[in-house]
C-alpha atoms as a PDB file:
ATOM      1  CA  MET A   1       0.003   0.014   0.028  1.00  0.00           C
ATOM      2  CA  THR A   2       1.328   3.476  -0.887  1.00  0.00           C
ATOM      3  CA  ARG A   3       1.504   6.357   1.632  1.00  0.00           C
ATOM      4  CA  PRO A   4      -1.602   8.491   1.493  1.00  0.00           C
ATOM      5  CA  ASP A   5      -1.473  12.191   0.617  1.00  0.00           C
ATOM      6  CA  PRO A   6      -0.980  14.053   3.820  1.00  0.00           C
ATOM      7  CA  VAL A   7      -3.362  16.924   4.709  1.00  0.00           C
ATOM      8  CA  ALA A   8      -1.489  20.210   4.701  1.00  0.00           C
ATOM      9  CA  PRO A   9      -1.332  21.711   8.197  1.00  0.00           C
ATOM     10  CA  GLY A  10      -2.755  25.112   8.839  1.00  0.00           C
ATOM     11  CA  PRO A  11      -1.348  27.715  11.158  1.00  0.00           C
ATOM     12  CA  GLY A  12      -0.539  26.136  14.562  1.00  0.00           C
ATOM     13  CA  GLN A  13      -1.172  22.658  13.295  1.00  0.00           C
ATOM     14  CA  LEU A  14       1.136  19.634  12.851  1.00  0.00           C
ATOM     15  CA  SER A  15       0.951  16.917  10.302  1.00  0.00           C
ATOM     16  CA  VAL A  16       1.243  13.382  11.726  1.00  0.00           C
ATOM     17  CA  TRP A  17       3.217  12.614   8.495  1.00  0.00           C
ATOM     18  CA  ASP A  18       5.983  14.834   9.875  1.00  0.00           C
ATOM     19  CA  PHE A  19       6.211  12.800  13.107  1.00  0.00           C
ATOM     20  CA  PRO A  20       9.250  10.485  13.289  1.00  0.00           C
ATOM     21  CA  ARG A  21       9.747   6.717  13.293  1.00  0.00           C
ATOM     22  CA  PRO A  22      10.988   5.689  15.748  1.00  0.00           C
ATOM     23  CA  PRO A  23       8.585   7.768  17.828  1.00  0.00           C
ATOM     24  CA  SER A  24       9.682  10.788  19.777  1.00  0.00           C
ATOM     25  CA  LEU A  25       8.406  12.309  23.126  1.00  0.00           C
ATOM     26  CA  VAL A  26       7.241  15.753  23.792  1.00  0.00           C
ATOM     27  CA  GLN A  27       5.587  17.662  26.656  1.00  0.00           C
ATOM     28  CA  TRP A  28       3.281  20.504  25.504  1.00  0.00           C
ATOM     29  CA  GLY A  29       2.164  21.472  29.111  1.00  0.00           C
ATOM     30  CA  GLU A  30      -1.533  21.202  28.028  1.00  0.00           C
ATOM     31  CA  ARG A  31      -4.295  20.732  30.600  1.00  0.00           C
ATOM     32  CA  VAL A  32      -5.471  17.207  30.105  1.00  0.00           C
ATOM     33  CA  VAL A  33      -8.694  15.986  31.704  1.00  0.00           C
ATOM     34  CA  VAL A  34     -10.276  12.526  31.607  1.00  0.00           C
ATOM     35  CA  GLU A  35     -13.901  11.869  32.579  1.00  0.00           C
ATOM     36  CA  LEU A  36     -15.681   8.581  33.234  1.00  0.00           C
ATOM     37  CA  ALA A  37     -19.150   8.058  34.594  1.00  0.00           C
ATOM     38  CA  GLY A  38     -19.634  11.847  34.824  1.00  0.00           C
ATOM     39  CA  ALA A  39     -16.599  12.272  37.114  1.00  0.00           C
ATOM     40  CA  VAL A  40     -13.076  13.583  36.502  1.00  0.00           C
ATOM     41  CA  ILE A  41     -10.776  10.614  37.041  1.00  0.00           C
ATOM     42  CA  ALA A  42      -7.516  12.267  35.892  1.00  0.00           C
ATOM     43  CA  GLU A  43      -6.180  15.843  35.395  1.00  0.00           C
ATOM     44  CA  THR A  44      -2.685  17.003  34.725  1.00  0.00           C
ATOM     45  CA  THR A  45      -0.488  19.548  32.873  1.00  0.00           C
ATOM     46  CA  ALA A  46       2.478  17.057  32.898  1.00  0.00           C
ATOM     47  CA  ALA A  47       1.405  14.577  30.192  1.00  0.00           C
ATOM     48  CA  TRP A  48       3.961  13.184  27.778  1.00  0.00           C
ATOM     49  CA  CYS A  49       3.008  12.670  24.163  1.00  0.00           C
ATOM     50  CA  VAL A  50       4.350   9.901  21.927  1.00  0.00           C
ATOM     51  CA  LEU A  51       4.598  11.204  18.343  1.00  0.00           C
ATOM     52  CA  GLU A  52       4.835   8.540  15.641  1.00  0.00           C
ATOM     53  CA  THR A  53       4.409   8.697  11.896  1.00  0.00           C
ATOM     54  CA  SER A  54       0.800   8.496  10.806  1.00  0.00           C
ATOM     55  CA  HIS A  55      -0.554   8.446  14.340  1.00  0.00           C
ATOM     56  CA  PRO A  56      -2.185  11.258  16.414  1.00  0.00           C
ATOM     57  CA  PRO A  57      -0.249  11.840  19.684  1.00  0.00           C
ATOM     58  CA  THR A  58      -0.856   9.208  22.425  1.00  0.00           C
ATOM     59  CA  TYR A  59      -1.034  11.013  25.816  1.00  0.00           C
ATOM     60  CA  TYR A  60       0.716   9.478  28.905  1.00  0.00           C
ATOM     61  CA  LEU A  61      -0.496  10.887  32.064  1.00  0.00           C
ATOM     62  CA  PRO A  62       1.400  10.549  35.452  1.00  0.00           C
ATOM     63  CA  ALA A  63      -0.210   7.771  37.465  1.00  0.00           C
ATOM     64  CA  ASP A  64      -0.592  10.092  40.404  1.00  0.00           C
ATOM     65  CA  SER A  65      -2.780  12.416  38.367  1.00  0.00           C
ATOM     66  CA  PHE A  66      -5.561   9.786  38.523  1.00  0.00           C
ATOM     67  CA  VAL A  67      -8.095   9.859  41.271  1.00  0.00           C
ATOM     68  CA  ALA A  68      -7.357   7.258  43.942  1.00  0.00           C
ATOM     69  CA  GLY A  69      -9.084   3.923  43.147  1.00  0.00           C
ATOM     70  CA  SER A  70      -9.611   4.810  39.400  1.00  0.00           C
ATOM     71  CA  LEU A  71      -6.793   2.569  38.161  1.00  0.00           C
ATOM     72  CA  ARG A  72      -7.022  -1.195  38.633  1.00  0.00           C
ATOM     73  CA  SER A  73      -4.640  -3.816  37.421  1.00  0.00           C
ATOM     74  CA  THR A  74      -6.090  -6.360  34.964  1.00  0.00           C
ATOM     75  CA  SER A  75      -4.908  -9.180  32.860  1.00  0.00           C
ATOM     76  CA  GLY A  76      -3.380  -8.679  29.445  1.00  0.00           C
ATOM     77  CA  THR A  77      -0.072  -7.510  28.136  1.00  0.00           C
ATOM     78  CA  SER A  78       1.248  -6.325  24.743  1.00  0.00           C
ATOM     79  CA  PHE A  79       4.699  -5.521  23.299  1.00  0.00           C
ATOM     80  CA  CYS A  80       5.816  -2.400  21.531  1.00  0.00           C
ATOM     81  CA  GLU A  81       9.056  -2.560  19.596  1.00  0.00           C
ATOM     82  CA  TRP A  82       9.929   0.936  20.904  1.00  0.00           C
ATOM     83  CA  LYS A  83       8.613   1.050  24.441  1.00  0.00           C
ATOM     84  CA  GLY A  84       8.706  -2.549  25.670  1.00  0.00           C
ATOM     85  CA  HIS A  85       6.138  -4.661  27.436  1.00  0.00           C
ATOM     86  CA  ALA A  86       2.836  -2.997  28.463  1.00  0.00           C
ATOM     87  CA  ALA A  87       0.543  -3.923  31.359  1.00  0.00           C
ATOM     88  CA  TYR A  88      -3.186  -3.223  31.134  1.00  0.00           C
ATOM     89  CA  LEU A  89      -5.415  -1.400  33.601  1.00  0.00           C
ATOM     90  CA  ASP A  90      -9.204  -1.009  34.102  1.00  0.00           C
ATOM     91  CA  LEU A  91     -10.465   2.530  34.638  1.00  0.00           C
ATOM     92  CA  VAL A  92     -12.981   2.771  37.472  1.00  0.00           C
ATOM     93  CA  ALA A  93     -15.381   5.509  38.454  1.00  0.00           C
ATOM     94  CA  GLY A  94     -18.153   4.560  40.954  1.00  0.00           C
ATOM     95  CA  ASP A  95     -19.908   1.443  39.617  1.00  0.00           C
ATOM     96  CA  GLN A  96     -18.617   1.970  36.042  1.00  0.00           C
ATOM     97  CA  VAL A  97     -15.637   0.086  34.775  1.00  0.00           C
ATOM     98  CA  ALA A  98     -13.893   0.560  31.489  1.00  0.00           C
ATOM     99  CA  SER A  99     -12.188  -2.792  31.111  1.00  0.00           C
ATOM    100  CA  ALA A 100      -8.591  -2.864  29.913  1.00  0.00           C
ATOM    101  CA  ALA A 101      -8.998   0.796  28.757  1.00  0.00           C
ATOM    102  CA  ALA A 102      -5.596   1.902  29.857  1.00  0.00           C
ATOM    103  CA  TRP A 103      -2.009   0.702  29.795  1.00  0.00           C
ATOM    104  CA  THR A 104       1.358   1.384  31.271  1.00  0.00           C
ATOM    105  CA  TYR A 105       4.967   0.432  30.704  1.00  0.00           C
ATOM    106  CA  PRO A 106       6.274  -0.637  34.133  1.00  0.00           C
ATOM    107  CA  ARG A 107       9.818  -0.977  32.808  1.00  0.00           C
ATOM    108  CA  PRO A 108       9.992   0.959  29.504  1.00  0.00           C
ATOM    109  CA  THR A 109      12.969   0.745  27.229  1.00  0.00           C
ATOM    110  CA  PRO A 110      15.740   3.367  28.012  1.00  0.00           C
ATOM    111  CA  ALA A 111      14.655   5.743  25.192  1.00  0.00           C
ATOM    112  CA  PHE A 112      11.136   5.854  26.799  1.00  0.00           C
ATOM    113  CA  ALA A 113      12.192   5.792  30.476  1.00  0.00           C
ATOM    114  CA  VAL A 114      10.084   8.940  31.199  1.00  0.00           C
ATOM    115  CA  LEU A 115       6.997   6.889  30.627  1.00  0.00           C
ATOM    116  CA  ALA A 116       7.545   4.780  33.750  1.00  0.00           C
ATOM    117  CA  ASP A 117       4.717   5.592  36.246  1.00  0.00           C
ATOM    118  CA  HIS A 118       2.649   6.982  33.412  1.00  0.00           C
ATOM    119  CA  VAL A 119      -0.614   5.765  32.048  1.00  0.00           C
ATOM    120  CA  ALA A 120      -2.143   5.906  28.532  1.00  0.00           C
ATOM    121  CA  LEU A 121      -5.731   5.258  27.749  1.00  0.00           C
ATOM    122  CA  TYR A 122      -8.154   4.743  24.850  1.00  0.00           C
ATOM    123  CA  PRO A 123     -10.192   7.939  24.600  1.00  0.00           C
ATOM    124  CA  ALA A 124     -13.191   5.959  23.099  1.00  0.00           C
ATOM    125  CA  ALA A 125     -13.439   3.942  26.448  1.00  0.00           C
ATOM    126  CA  VAL A 126     -14.240   6.921  28.627  1.00  0.00           C
ATOM    127  CA  ASP A 127     -16.929   9.658  28.542  1.00  0.00           C
ATOM    128  CA  ARG A 128     -14.582  12.362  27.435  1.00  0.00           C
ATOM    129  CA  CYS A 129     -11.027  13.386  27.260  1.00  0.00           C
ATOM    130  CA  LEU A 130     -10.167  17.155  26.961  1.00  0.00           C
ATOM    131  CA  VAL A 131      -6.997  18.816  25.948  1.00  0.00           C
ATOM    132  CA  ASP A 132      -6.897  22.472  26.954  1.00  0.00           C
ATOM    133  CA  GLY A 133     -10.645  22.297  26.964  1.00  0.00           C
ATOM    134  CA  GLU A 134     -11.047  20.770  23.551  1.00  0.00           C
ATOM    135  CA  PRO A 135     -12.817  17.443  23.358  1.00  0.00           C
ATOM    136  CA  VAL A 136     -10.683  14.669  21.862  1.00  0.00           C
ATOM    137  CA  THR A 137     -11.684  12.476  18.951  1.00  0.00           C
ATOM    138  CA  PRO A 138     -10.332   8.911  19.451  1.00  0.00           C
ATOM    139  CA  GLN A 139      -7.958   7.544  16.812  1.00  0.00           C
ATOM    140  CA  PRO A 140      -9.877   5.314  14.280  1.00  0.00           C
ATOM    141  CA  GLY A 141      -9.950   1.638  14.865  1.00  0.00           C
ATOM    142  CA  GLY A 142      -9.772  -0.244  18.164  1.00  0.00           C
ATOM    143  CA  PHE A 143      -6.066  -0.873  18.440  1.00  0.00           C
ATOM    144  CA  TYR A 144      -4.219   2.464  18.770  1.00  0.00           C
ATOM    145  CA  GLY A 145      -4.812   5.063  21.558  1.00  0.00           C
ATOM    146  CA  GLY A 146      -4.166   8.320  19.662  1.00  0.00           C
ATOM    147  CA  TRP A 147      -5.885  11.595  20.712  1.00  0.00           C
ATOM    148  CA  ILE A 148      -7.086  13.651  17.769  1.00  0.00           C
ATOM    149  CA  THR A 149      -7.412  17.375  18.388  1.00  0.00           C
ATOM    150  CA  SER A 150      -7.313  20.515  16.141  1.00  0.00           C
ATOM    151  CA  ARG A 151      -3.536  20.577  16.711  1.00  0.00           C
ATOM    152  CA  VAL A 152      -2.961  17.603  14.286  1.00  0.00           C
ATOM    153  CA  VAL A 153      -3.995  16.693  10.843  1.00  0.00           C
ATOM    154  CA  GLY A 154      -3.862  13.295   9.062  1.00  0.00           C
ATOM    155  CA  PRO A 155      -4.940  11.106   7.577  1.00  0.00           C
ATOM    156  CA  PHE A 156      -4.559   8.878  10.585  1.00  0.00           C
ATOM    157  CA  LYS A 157      -3.602   5.195  10.732  1.00  0.00           C
ATOM    158  CA  GLY A 158      -6.121   2.942  12.402  1.00  0.00           C
ATOM    159  CA  ALA A 159      -9.164   2.821  10.121  1.00  0.00           C
ATOM    160  CA  PRO A 160      -9.772  -0.255   7.825  1.00  0.00           C
ATOM    161  CA  GLY A 161      -7.311  -0.296   4.984  1.00  0.00           C
ATOM    162  CA  THR A 162      -4.611   1.546   6.880  1.00  0.00           C
ATOM    163  CA  LEU A 163      -2.532  -1.329   8.224  1.00  0.00           C
ATOM    164  CA  GLY A 164       0.048  -1.178   5.539  1.00  0.00           C
ATOM    165  CA  TRP A 165       0.847   2.601   6.176  1.00  0.00           C
END
């Protein structure tokens, strides 16, 4: 499959086609809020973003930015060639549980060591994620955890037919 034609970024925007491979890390200092069951379960201005070609940023929030009791270990692991072995977490708010909706790298590779004690999540699994007050659109498909905001333009990997990008 050939690379799609990238959307030209406007003022203040970034094209995901200019993101590197292997991925890079950036902190933008944005206010990130995660809501589940009508409650704020996480809030921070210290999130790290992983930027990878064709993907919207994946936000990694400090574990201590989550409300006590909102993260629960669950079964399941995965492997990323860049970050290492991931462990999965349920997100919990009151009686609502978003099963395996988040993940962490307990012992990330040296290049991604800053992600230790940080948690990423699938925006589609919660009520709402906000970045500086802007609602996030989840990355297409069910595998990747990218956060689409007006900051980034695509097209984005994840939808059917994009596996070979």
